[in-house]
PDB file of all heavy atoms in Angstrom:
ATOM      1  N   ALA A   1       3.754   4.297   2.731  1.00  0.00           N
ATOM      2  CA  ALA A   1       5.190   4.087   2.667  1.00  0.00           C
ATOM      3  C   ALA A   1       5.732   3.350   3.876  1.00  0.00           C
ATOM      4  O   ALA A   1       6.728   2.648   3.781  1.00  0.00           O
ATOM      5  CB  ALA A   1       5.918   5.419   2.500  1.00  0.00           C
ATOM      6  N   ALA A   2       5.089   3.476   5.035  1.00  0.00           N
ATOM      7  CA  ALA A   2       5.597   2.816   6.236  1.00  0.00           C
ATOM      8  C   ALA A   2       4.725   1.650   6.673  1.00  0.00           C
ATOM      9  O   ALA A   2       4.919   1.105   7.748  1.00  0.00           O
ATOM     10  CB  ALA A   2       5.709   3.825   7.386  1.00  0.00           C
ATOM     11  N   GLY A   3       3.751   1.260   5.881  1.00  0.00           N
ATOM     12  CA  GLY A   3       2.904   0.152   6.301  1.00  0.00           C
ATOM     13  C   GLY A   3       1.834  -0.160   5.288  1.00  0.00           C
ATOM     14  O   GLY A   3       1.891   0.265   4.148  1.00  0.00           O
ATOM     15  N   ALA A   4       0.815  -0.899   5.735  1.00  0.00           N
ATOM     16  CA  ALA A   4      -0.171  -1.425   4.796  1.00  0.00           C
ATOM     17  C   ALA A   4      -1.565  -0.863   4.979  1.00  0.00           C
ATOM     18  O   ALA A   4      -2.487  -1.284   4.296  1.00  0.00           O
ATOM     19  CB  ALA A   4      -0.236  -2.947   4.927  1.00  0.00           C
ATOM     20  N   THR A   5      -1.771   0.047   5.910  1.00  0.00           N
ATOM     21  CA  THR A   5      -3.114   0.571   6.130  1.00  0.00           C
ATOM     22  C   THR A   5      -3.130   2.066   5.901  1.00  0.00           C
ATOM     23  O   THR A   5      -2.101   2.719   5.831  1.00  0.00           O
ATOM     24  CB  THR A   5      -3.592   0.296   7.568  1.00  0.00           C
ATOM     25  OG1 THR A   5      -2.691   0.937   8.488  1.00  0.00           O
ATOM     26  CG2 THR A   5      -3.587  -1.199   7.851  1.00  0.00           C
ATOM     27  N   ARG A   6      -4.297   2.622   5.791  1.00  0.00           N
ATOM     28  CA  ARG A   6      -4.412   4.063   5.618  1.00  0.00           C
ATOM     29  C   ARG A   6      -5.575   4.584   6.444  1.00  0.00           C
ATOM     30  O   ARG A   6      -6.505   3.870   6.779  1.00  0.00           O
ATOM     31  CB  ARG A   6      -4.626   4.433   4.144  1.00  0.00           C
ATOM     32  CG  ARG A   6      -5.990   3.984   3.592  1.00  0.00           C
ATOM     33  CD  ARG A   6      -6.178   4.545   2.181  1.00  0.00           C
ATOM     34  NE  ARG A   6      -7.425   4.068   1.589  1.00  0.00           N
ATOM     35  CZ  ARG A   6      -8.585   4.687   1.745  1.00  0.00           C
ATOM     36  NH1 ARG A   6      -8.684   5.755   2.484  1.00  0.00           N
ATOM     37  NH2 ARG A   6      -9.673   4.208   1.171  1.00  0.00           N
ATOM     38  N   GLY A   7      -5.519   5.875   6.761  1.00  0.00           N
ATOM     39  CA  GLY A   7      -6.617   6.513   7.462  1.00  0.00           C
ATOM     40  C   GLY A   7      -7.306   7.488   6.542  1.00  0.00           C
ATOM     41  O   GLY A   7      -6.940   7.663   5.390  1.00  0.00           O
ATOM     42  N   ALA A   8      -8.317   8.177   7.054  1.00  0.00           N
ATOM     43  CA  ALA A   8      -9.010   9.179   6.260  1.00  0.00           C
ATOM     44  C   ALA A   8      -8.109  10.393   6.084  1.00  0.00           C
ATOM     45  O   ALA A   8      -7.275  10.701   6.924  1.00  0.00           O
ATOM     46  CB  ALA A   8     -10.306   9.593   6.954  1.00  0.00           C
ATOM     47  N   ALA A   9      -8.282  11.087   4.972  1.00  0.00           N
ATOM     48  CA  ALA A   9      -7.470  12.281   4.717  1.00  0.00           C
ATOM     49  C   ALA A   9      -7.843  13.372   5.702  1.00  0.00           C
ATOM     50  O   ALA A   9      -9.011  13.706   5.848  1.00  0.00           O
ATOM     51  CB  ALA A   9      -7.699  12.771   3.290  1.00  0.00           C
ATOM     52  N   PRO A  10      -6.869  13.959   6.426  1.00  0.00           N
ATOM     53  CA  PRO A  10      -7.174  15.034   7.348  1.00  0.00           C
ATOM     54  C   PRO A  10      -7.586  16.294   6.608  1.00  0.00           C
ATOM     55  O   PRO A  10      -7.211  16.509   5.457  1.00  0.00           O
ATOM     56  CB  PRO A  10      -5.841  15.252   8.093  1.00  0.00           C
ATOM     57  CG  PRO A  10      -4.812  14.728   7.169  1.00  0.00           C
ATOM     58  CD  PRO A  10      -5.456  13.611   6.402  1.00  0.00           C
ATOM     59  N   ALA A  11      -8.378  17.138   7.268  1.00  0.00           N
ATOM     60  CA  ALA A  11      -8.854  18.370   6.654  1.00  0.00           C
ATOM     61  C   ALA A  11      -7.671  19.253   6.270  1.00  0.00           C
ATOM     62  O   ALA A  11      -6.720  19.401   7.015  1.00  0.00           O
ATOM     63  CB  ALA A  11      -9.772  19.102   7.625  1.00  0.00           C
ATOM     64  N   GLY A  12      -7.745  19.839   5.082  1.00  0.00           N
ATOM     65  CA  GLY A  12      -6.700  20.752   4.640  1.00  0.00           C
ATOM     66  C   GLY A  12      -5.390  20.084   4.305  1.00  0.00           C
ATOM     67  O   GLY A  12      -4.351  20.725   4.261  1.00  0.00           O
ATOM     68  N   ALA A  13      -5.401  18.793   4.059  1.00  0.00           N
ATOM     69  CA  ALA A  13      -4.154  18.066   3.853  1.00  0.00           C
ATOM     70  C   ALA A  13      -3.558  18.256   2.474  1.00  0.00           C
ATOM     71  O   ALA A  13      -2.444  17.858   2.225  1.00  0.00           O
ATOM     72  CB  ALA A  13      -4.381  16.573   4.092  1.00  0.00           C
ATOM     73  N   GLY A  14      -4.297  18.874   1.541  1.00  0.00           N
ATOM     74  CA  GLY A  14      -3.800  18.951   0.180  1.00  0.00           C
ATOM     75  C   GLY A  14      -4.161  17.673  -0.565  1.00  0.00           C
ATOM     76  O   GLY A  14      -4.970  16.873  -0.112  1.00  0.00           O
ATOM     77  N   ARG A  15      -3.537  17.473  -1.709  1.00  0.00           N
ATOM     78  CA  ARG A  15      -3.848  16.299  -2.522  1.00  0.00           C
ATOM     79  C   ARG A  15      -3.119  15.079  -1.984  1.00  0.00           C
ATOM     80  O   ARG A  15      -1.910  15.068  -1.844  1.00  0.00           O
ATOM     81  CB  ARG A  15      -3.435  16.568  -3.981  1.00  0.00           C
ATOM     82  CG  ARG A  15      -3.850  15.483  -4.952  1.00  0.00           C
ATOM     83  CD  ARG A  15      -3.488  15.878  -6.360  1.00  0.00           C
ATOM     84  NE  ARG A  15      -4.293  17.012  -6.802  1.00  0.00           N
ATOM     85  CZ  ARG A  15      -3.836  18.254  -6.887  1.00  0.00           C
ATOM     86  NH1 ARG A  15      -2.597  18.526  -6.537  1.00  0.00           N
ATOM     87  NH2 ARG A  15      -4.599  19.230  -7.294  1.00  0.00           N
ATOM     88  N   ALA A  16      -3.883  14.030  -1.659  1.00  0.00           N
ATOM     89  CA  ALA A  16      -3.282  12.819  -1.101  1.00  0.00           C
ATOM     90  C   ALA A  16      -2.748  11.938  -2.219  1.00  0.00           C
ATOM     91  O   ALA A  16      -3.309  11.878  -3.307  1.00  0.00           O
ATOM     92  CB  ALA A  16      -4.303  12.053  -0.278  1.00  0.00           C
ATOM     93  N   ARG A  17      -1.650  11.237  -1.904  1.00  0.00           N
ATOM     94  CA  ARG A  17      -0.966  10.433  -2.913  1.00  0.00           C
ATOM     95  C   ARG A  17      -1.316   8.965  -2.754  1.00  0.00           C
ATOM     96  O   ARG A  17      -0.488   8.157  -2.360  1.00  0.00           O
ATOM     97  CB  ARG A  17       0.540  10.658  -2.818  1.00  0.00           C
ATOM     98  CG  ARG A  17       0.935  12.072  -3.218  1.00  0.00           C
ATOM     99  CD  ARG A  17       2.408  12.320  -3.136  1.00  0.00           C
ATOM    100  NE  ARG A  17       2.767  13.537  -3.860  1.00  0.00           N
ATOM    101  CZ  ARG A  17       3.991  14.001  -3.994  1.00  0.00           C
ATOM    102  NH1 ARG A  17       5.004  13.349  -3.469  1.00  0.00           N
ATOM    103  NH2 ARG A  17       4.223  15.105  -4.668  1.00  0.00           N
ATOM    104  N   PHE A  18      -2.563   8.614  -3.023  1.00  0.00           N
ATOM    105  CA  PHE A  18      -2.939   7.210  -2.947  1.00  0.00           C
ATOM    106  C   PHE A  18      -3.950   6.866  -4.028  1.00  0.00           C
ATOM    107  O   PHE A  18      -4.700   7.706  -4.507  1.00  0.00           O
ATOM    108  CB  PHE A  18      -3.519   6.856  -1.572  1.00  0.00           C
ATOM    109  CG  PHE A  18      -4.961   7.254  -1.380  1.00  0.00           C
ATOM    110  CD1 PHE A  18      -5.976   6.336  -1.576  1.00  0.00           C
ATOM    111  CD2 PHE A  18      -5.307   8.542  -0.984  1.00  0.00           C
ATOM    112  CE1 PHE A  18      -7.307   6.691  -1.398  1.00  0.00           C
ATOM    113  CE2 PHE A  18      -6.623   8.906  -0.793  1.00  0.00           C
ATOM    114  CZ  PHE A  18      -7.631   7.983  -1.004  1.00  0.00           C
ATOM    115  N   VAL A  19      -3.935   5.615  -4.428  1.00  0.00           N
ATOM    116  CA  VAL A  19      -4.959   5.044  -5.296  1.00  0.00           C
ATOM    117  C   VAL A  19      -5.547   3.861  -4.558  1.00  0.00           C
ATOM    118  O   VAL A  19      -4.824   2.960  -4.138  1.00  0.00           O
ATOM    119  CB  VAL A  19      -4.362   4.583  -6.656  1.00  0.00           C
ATOM    120  CG1 VAL A  19      -5.398   3.839  -7.463  1.00  0.00           C
ATOM    121  CG2 VAL A  19      -3.842   5.783  -7.432  1.00  0.00           C
ATOM    122  N   ASP A  20      -6.850   3.876  -4.357  1.00  0.00           N
ATOM    123  CA  ASP A  20      -7.516   2.830  -3.595  1.00  0.00           C
ATOM    124  C   ASP A  20      -7.997   1.736  -4.551  1.00  0.00           C
ATOM    125  O   ASP A  20      -8.890   1.959  -5.360  1.00  0.00           O
ATOM    126  CB  ASP A  20      -8.700   3.430  -2.839  1.00  0.00           C
ATOM    127  CG  ASP A  20      -9.260   2.485  -1.787  1.00  0.00           C
ATOM    128  OD1 ASP A  20      -8.917   1.283  -1.839  1.00  0.00           O
ATOM    129  OD2 ASP A  20     -10.031   2.933  -0.931  1.00  0.00           O
ATOM    130  N   LEU A  21      -7.369   0.580  -4.478  1.00  0.00           N
ATOM    131  CA  LEU A  21      -7.718  -0.534  -5.359  1.00  0.00           C
ATOM    132  C   LEU A  21      -8.419  -1.664  -4.613  1.00  0.00           C
ATOM    133  O   LEU A  21      -8.422  -2.805  -5.054  1.00  0.00           O
ATOM    134  CB  LEU A  21      -6.457  -1.069  -6.046  1.00  0.00           C
ATOM    135  CG  LEU A  21      -5.745  -0.098  -6.986  1.00  0.00           C
ATOM    136  CD1 LEU A  21      -4.451  -0.713  -7.493  1.00  0.00           C
ATOM    137  CD2 LEU A  21      -6.633   0.294  -8.153  1.00  0.00           C
ATOM    138  N   ARG A  22      -9.023  -1.334  -3.479  1.00  0.00           N
ATOM    139  CA  ARG A  22      -9.629  -2.393  -2.670  1.00  0.00           C
ATOM    140  C   ARG A  22     -10.724  -3.136  -3.420  1.00  0.00           C
ATOM    141  O   ARG A  22     -10.906  -4.339  -3.244  1.00  0.00           O
ATOM    142  CB  ARG A  22     -10.196  -1.802  -1.375  1.00  0.00           C
ATOM    143  CG  ARG A  22      -9.133  -1.398  -0.369  1.00  0.00           C
ATOM    144  CD  ARG A  22      -9.738  -0.749   0.852  1.00  0.00           C
ATOM    145  NE  ARG A  22     -10.416   0.494   0.491  1.00  0.00           N
ATOM    146  CZ  ARG A  22     -11.144   1.222   1.341  1.00  0.00           C
ATOM    147  NH1 ARG A  22     -11.311   0.801   2.578  1.00  0.00           N
ATOM    148  NH2 ARG A  22     -11.699   2.352   0.960  1.00  0.00           N
ATOM    149  N   GLU A  23     -11.462  -2.435  -4.257  1.00  0.00           N
ATOM    150  CA  GLU A  23     -12.564  -3.077  -4.979  1.00  0.00           C
ATOM    151  C   GLU A  23     -12.080  -3.779  -6.248  1.00  0.00           C
ATOM    152  O   GLU A  23     -12.875  -4.368  -6.963  1.00  0.00           O
ATOM    153  CB  GLU A  23     -13.621  -2.038  -5.337  1.00  0.00           C
ATOM    154  CG  GLU A  23     -14.282  -1.406  -4.109  1.00  0.00           C
ATOM    155  CD  GLU A  23     -15.339  -0.389  -4.500  1.00  0.00           C
ATOM    156  OE1 GLU A  23     -15.562  -0.222  -5.725  1.00  0.00           O
ATOM    157  OE2 GLU A  23     -15.935   0.221  -3.605  1.00  0.00           O
ATOM    158  N   HIS A  24     -10.787  -3.704  -6.515  1.00  0.00           N
ATOM    159  CA  HIS A  24     -10.258  -4.271  -7.759  1.00  0.00           C
ATOM    160  C   HIS A  24      -9.167  -5.303  -7.486  1.00  0.00           C
ATOM    161  O   HIS A  24      -8.305  -5.522  -8.329  1.00  0.00           O
ATOM    162  CB  HIS A  24      -9.706  -3.154  -8.637  1.00  0.00           C
ATOM    163  CG  HIS A  24     -10.667  -2.041  -8.879  1.00  0.00           C
ATOM    164  ND1 HIS A  24     -11.718  -2.157  -9.759  1.00  0.00           N
ATOM    165  CD2 HIS A  24     -10.760  -0.797  -8.336  1.00  0.00           C
ATOM    166  CE1 HIS A  24     -12.408  -1.021  -9.764  1.00  0.00           C
ATOM    167  NE2 HIS A  24     -11.855  -0.189  -8.906  1.00  0.00           N
ATOM    168  N   ALA A  25      -9.213  -5.928  -6.326  1.00  0.00           N
ATOM    169  CA  ALA A  25      -8.150  -6.868  -5.964  1.00  0.00           C
ATOM    170  C   ALA A  25      -8.007  -7.994  -6.973  1.00  0.00           C
ATOM    171  O   ALA A  25      -6.893  -8.437  -7.273  1.00  0.00           O
ATOM    172  CB  ALA A  25      -8.418  -7.445  -4.573  1.00  0.00           C
ATOM    173  N   ASN A  26      -9.110  -8.437  -7.523  1.00  0.00           N
ATOM    174  CA  ASN A  26      -9.050  -9.555  -8.464  1.00  0.00           C
ATOM    175  C   ASN A  26      -8.405  -9.154  -9.792  1.00  0.00           C
ATOM    176  O   ASN A  26      -8.049 -10.020 -10.590  1.00  0.00           O
ATOM    177  CB  ASN A  26     -10.448 -10.114  -8.717  1.00  0.00           C
ATOM    178  CG  ASN A  26     -11.006 -10.813  -7.488  1.00  0.00           C
ATOM    179  OD1 ASN A  26     -10.262 -11.418  -6.726  1.00  0.00           O
ATOM    180  ND2 ASN A  26     -12.313 -10.710  -7.289  1.00  0.00           N
ATOM    181  N   ALA A  27      -8.265  -7.833 -10.019  1.00  0.00           N
ATOM    182  CA  ALA A  27      -7.627  -7.354 -11.248  1.00  0.00           C
ATOM    183  C   ALA A  27      -6.158  -7.023 -11.029  1.00  0.00           C
ATOM    184  O   ALA A  27      -5.539  -6.416 -11.876  1.00  0.00           O
ATOM    185  CB  ALA A  27      -8.362  -6.130 -11.774  1.00  0.00           C
ATOM    186  N   CYS A  28      -5.604  -7.410  -9.869  1.00  0.00           N
ATOM    187  CA  CYS A  28      -4.200  -7.145  -9.562  1.00  0.00           C
ATOM    188  C   CYS A  28      -3.415  -8.452  -9.564  1.00  0.00           C
ATOM    189  O   CYS A  28      -3.883  -9.464  -9.039  1.00  0.00           O
ATOM    190  CB  CYS A  28      -4.065  -6.476  -8.189  1.00  0.00           C
ATOM    191  SG  CYS A  28      -4.883  -4.875  -8.084  1.00  0.00           S
ATOM    192  N   ASP A  29      -2.258  -8.405 -10.171  1.00  0.00           N
ATOM    193  CA  ASP A  29      -1.384  -9.571 -10.213  1.00  0.00           C
ATOM    194  C   ASP A  29      -0.651  -9.667  -8.883  1.00  0.00           C
ATOM    195  O   ASP A  29       0.264  -8.913  -8.600  1.00  0.00           O
ATOM    196  CB  ASP A  29      -0.390  -9.427 -11.362  1.00  0.00           C
ATOM    197  CG  ASP A  29       0.464 -10.676 -11.548  1.00  0.00           C
ATOM    198  OD1 ASP A  29       0.364 -11.594 -10.697  1.00  0.00           O
ATOM    199  OD2 ASP A  29       1.212 -10.721 -12.529  1.00  0.00           O
ATOM    200  N   MET A  30      -1.065 -10.606  -8.029  1.00  0.00           N
ATOM    201  CA  MET A  30      -0.516 -10.728  -6.684  1.00  0.00           C
ATOM    202  C   MET A  30       0.731 -11.593  -6.627  1.00  0.00           C
ATOM    203  O   MET A  30       1.301 -11.780  -5.559  1.00  0.00           O
ATOM    204  CB  MET A  30      -1.572 -11.322  -5.736  1.00  0.00           C
ATOM    205  CG  MET A  30      -2.734 -10.415  -5.452  1.00  0.00           C
ATOM    206  SD  MET A  30      -2.288  -9.140  -4.277  1.00  0.00           S
ATOM    207  CE  MET A  30      -3.882  -8.362  -4.025  1.00  0.00           C
ATOM    208  N   ARG A  31       1.145 -12.137  -7.764  1.00  0.00           N
ATOM    209  CA  ARG A  31       2.319 -13.000  -7.733  1.00  0.00           C
ATOM    210  C   ARG A  31       3.537 -12.195  -7.308  1.00  0.00           C
ATOM    211  O   ARG A  31       3.727 -11.071  -7.727  1.00  0.00           O
ATOM    212  CB  ARG A  31       2.544 -13.633  -9.104  1.00  0.00           C
ATOM    213  CG  ARG A  31       1.477 -14.637  -9.494  1.00  0.00           C
ATOM    214  CD  ARG A  31       1.620 -15.029 -10.933  1.00  0.00           C
ATOM    215  NE  ARG A  31       1.363 -13.896 -11.814  1.00  0.00           N
ATOM    216  CZ  ARG A  31       1.384 -13.983 -13.142  1.00  0.00           C
ATOM    217  NH1 ARG A  31       1.666 -15.128 -13.726  1.00  0.00           N
ATOM    218  NH2 ARG A  31       1.135 -12.923 -13.879  1.00  0.00           N
ATOM    219  N   ALA A  32       4.360 -12.801  -6.448  1.00  0.00           N
ATOM    220  CA  ALA A  32       5.527 -12.092  -5.916  1.00  0.00           C
ATOM    221  C   ALA A  32       6.693 -13.050  -5.800  1.00  0.00           C
ATOM    222  O   ALA A  32       6.520 -14.272  -5.797  1.00  0.00           O
ATOM    223  CB  ALA A  32       5.200 -11.497  -4.548  1.00  0.00           C
ATOM    224  N   PRO A  33       7.922 -12.539  -5.702  1.00  0.00           N
ATOM    225  CA  PRO A  33       9.074 -13.421  -5.497  1.00  0.00           C
ATOM    226  C   PRO A  33       8.931 -14.203  -4.199  1.00  0.00           C
ATOM    227  O   PRO A  33       8.136 -13.852  -3.328  1.00  0.00           O
ATOM    228  CB  PRO A  33      10.254 -12.435  -5.426  1.00  0.00           C
ATOM    229  CG  PRO A  33       9.762 -11.186  -6.064  1.00  0.00           C
ATOM    230  CD  PRO A  33       8.287 -11.144  -5.775  1.00  0.00           C
ATOM    231  N   ASP A  34       9.718 -15.260  -4.076  1.00  0.00           N
ATOM    232  CA  ASP A  34       9.700 -16.046  -2.838  1.00  0.00           C
ATOM    233  C   ASP A  34      10.359 -15.251  -1.735  1.00  0.00           C
ATOM    234  O   ASP A  34      11.575 -15.294  -1.541  1.00  0.00           O
ATOM    235  CB  ASP A  34      10.429 -17.383  -3.043  1.00  0.00           C
ATOM    236  CG  ASP A  34       9.690 -18.273  -4.014  1.00  0.00           C
ATOM    237  OD1 ASP A  34       8.460 -18.139  -4.098  1.00  0.00           O
ATOM    238  OD2 ASP A  34      10.348 -19.082  -4.678  1.00  0.00           O
ATOM    239  N   ALA A  35       9.570 -14.457  -1.028  1.00  0.00           N
ATOM    240  CA  ALA A  35      10.099 -13.598   0.035  1.00  0.00           C
ATOM    241  C   ALA A  35       9.041 -13.435   1.107  1.00  0.00           C
ATOM    242  O   ALA A  35       7.851 -13.485   0.837  1.00  0.00           O
ATOM    243  CB  ALA A  35      10.491 -12.237  -0.530  1.00  0.00           C
ATOM    244  N   GLU A  36       9.502 -13.262   2.314  1.00  0.00           N
ATOM    245  CA  GLU A  36       8.590 -13.009   3.412  1.00  0.00           C
ATOM    246  C   GLU A  36       7.899 -11.669   3.193  1.00  0.00           C
ATOM    247  O   GLU A  36       8.526 -10.689   2.811  1.00  0.00           O
ATOM    248  CB  GLU A  36       9.360 -12.975   4.730  1.00  0.00           C
ATOM    249  CG  GLU A  36       8.489 -12.686   5.943  1.00  0.00           C
ATOM    250  CD  GLU A  36       9.326 -12.561   7.205  1.00  0.00           C
ATOM    251  OE1 GLU A  36      10.532 -12.809   7.126  1.00  0.00           O
ATOM    252  OE2 GLU A  36       8.758 -12.205   8.240  1.00  0.00           O
ATOM    253  N   HIS A  37       6.581 -11.612   3.439  1.00  0.00           N
ATOM    254  CA  HIS A  37       5.849 -10.369   3.231  1.00  0.00           C
ATOM    255  C   HIS A  37       6.256  -9.339   4.272  1.00  0.00           C
ATOM    256  O   HIS A  37       6.245  -9.601   5.463  1.00  0.00           O
ATOM    257  CB  HIS A  37       4.341 -10.605   3.318  1.00  0.00           C
ATOM    258  CG  HIS A  37       3.565  -9.326   3.312  1.00  0.00           C
ATOM    259  ND1 HIS A  37       3.486  -8.517   2.204  1.00  0.00           N
ATOM    260  CD2 HIS A  37       2.882  -8.695   4.295  1.00  0.00           C
ATOM    261  CE1 HIS A  37       2.758  -7.458   2.494  1.00  0.00           C
ATOM    262  NE2 HIS A  37       2.383  -7.534   3.754  1.00  0.00           N
ATOM    263  N   ARG A  38       6.652  -8.172   3.810  1.00  0.00           N
ATOM    264  CA  ARG A  38       6.977  -7.054   4.686  1.00  0.00           C
ATOM    265  C   ARG A  38       6.403  -5.793   4.063  1.00  0.00           C
ATOM    266  O   ARG A  38       6.171  -5.739   2.860  1.00  0.00           O
ATOM    267  CB  ARG A  38       8.495  -6.876   4.832  1.00  0.00           C
ATOM    268  CG  ARG A  38       9.223  -8.049   5.472  1.00  0.00           C
ATOM    269  CD  ARG A  38      10.678  -7.650   5.708  1.00  0.00           C
ATOM    270  NE  ARG A  38      11.435  -8.720   6.354  1.00  0.00           N
ATOM    271  CZ  ARG A  38      12.261  -9.506   5.709  1.00  0.00           C
ATOM    272  NH1 ARG A  38      12.407  -9.376   4.419  1.00  0.00           N
ATOM    273  NH2 ARG A  38      12.935 -10.440   6.355  1.00  0.00           N
ATOM    274  N   PRO A  39       6.212  -4.711   4.854  1.00  0.00           N
ATOM    275  CA  PRO A  39       5.775  -3.448   4.270  1.00  0.00           C
ATOM    276  C   PRO A  39       6.789  -2.917   3.269  1.00  0.00           C
ATOM    277  O   PRO A  39       7.909  -3.403   3.158  1.00  0.00           O
ATOM    278  CB  PRO A  39       5.658  -2.515   5.493  1.00  0.00           C
ATOM    279  CG  PRO A  39       5.456  -3.440   6.645  1.00  0.00           C
ATOM    280  CD  PRO A  39       6.259  -4.666   6.314  1.00  0.00           C
ATOM    281  N   LEU A  40       6.386  -1.874   2.550  1.00  0.00           N
ATOM    282  CA  LEU A  40       7.230  -1.308   1.509  1.00  0.00           C
ATOM    283  C   LEU A  40       8.622  -0.984   2.023  1.00  0.00           C
ATOM    284  O   LEU A  40       8.785  -0.247   2.986  1.00  0.00           O
ATOM    285  CB  LEU A  40       6.597  -0.032   0.964  1.00  0.00           C
ATOM    286  CG  LEU A  40       5.447  -0.206  -0.032  1.00  0.00           C
ATOM    287  CD1 LEU A  40       4.755   1.132  -0.245  1.00  0.00           C
ATOM    288  CD2 LEU A  40       5.964  -0.736  -1.353  1.00  0.00           C
ATOM    289  N   ALA A  41       9.634  -1.540   1.371  1.00  0.00           N
ATOM    290  CA  ALA A  41      11.039  -1.192   1.588  1.00  0.00           C
ATOM    291  C   ALA A  41      11.508  -1.322   3.024  1.00  0.00           C
ATOM    292  O   ALA A  41      12.460  -0.683   3.425  1.00  0.00           O
ATOM    293  CB  ALA A  41      11.302   0.237   1.101  1.00  0.00           C
ATOM    294  N   SER A  42      10.865  -2.140   3.829  1.00  0.00           N
ATOM    295  CA  SER A  42      11.313  -2.293   5.213  1.00  0.00           C
ATOM    296  C   SER A  42      11.910  -3.674   5.426  1.00  0.00           C
ATOM    297  O   SER A  42      11.566  -4.625   4.741  1.00  0.00           O
ATOM    298  CB  SER A  42      10.147  -2.084   6.182  1.00  0.00           C
ATOM    299  OG  SER A  42       9.227  -3.153   6.081  1.00  0.00           O
ATOM    300  N   GLY A  43      12.809  -3.765   6.372  1.00  0.00           N
ATOM    301  CA  GLY A  43      13.346  -5.064   6.739  1.00  0.00           C
ATOM    302  C   GLY A  43      14.427  -5.586   5.829  1.00  0.00           C
ATOM    303  O   GLY A  43      14.790  -6.754   5.922  1.00  0.00           O
ATOM    304  N   VAL A  44      14.971  -4.765   4.942  1.00  0.00           N
ATOM    305  CA  VAL A  44      16.061  -5.193   4.074  1.00  0.00           C
ATOM    306  C   VAL A  44      17.373  -4.794   4.726  1.00  0.00           C
ATOM    307  O   VAL A  44      17.621  -3.619   4.970  1.00  0.00           O
ATOM    308  CB  VAL A  44      15.952  -4.552   2.674  1.00  0.00           C
ATOM    309  CG1 VAL A  44      17.145  -4.953   1.819  1.00  0.00           C
ATOM    310  CG2 VAL A  44      14.650  -4.959   2.007  1.00  0.00           C
ATOM    311  N   ASP A  45      18.208  -5.758   5.016  1.00  0.00           N
ATOM    312  CA  ASP A  45      19.493  -5.464   5.640  1.00  0.00           C
ATOM    313  C   ASP A  45      20.294  -4.494   4.770  1.00  0.00           C
ATOM    314  O   ASP A  45      20.309  -4.591   3.543  1.00  0.00           O
ATOM    315  CB  ASP A  45      20.302  -6.747   5.838  1.00  0.00           C
ATOM    316  CG  ASP A  45      19.696  -7.646   6.917  1.00  0.00           C
ATOM    317  OD1 ASP A  45      18.892  -7.130   7.720  1.00  0.00           O
ATOM    318  OD2 ASP A  45      20.011  -8.844   6.933  1.00  0.00           O
TER     319      ASP A  45
END
């Protein structure tokens, strides 16, 4: 939610809310509006 990287799940953290699609990048539609790349929901006035 605050950036583009992730770390390993800490012990006892409960169920983590992520889906790792690193091996499936070619199956993702990367087309995006004409906008500067920023992390999720950041940098919007």
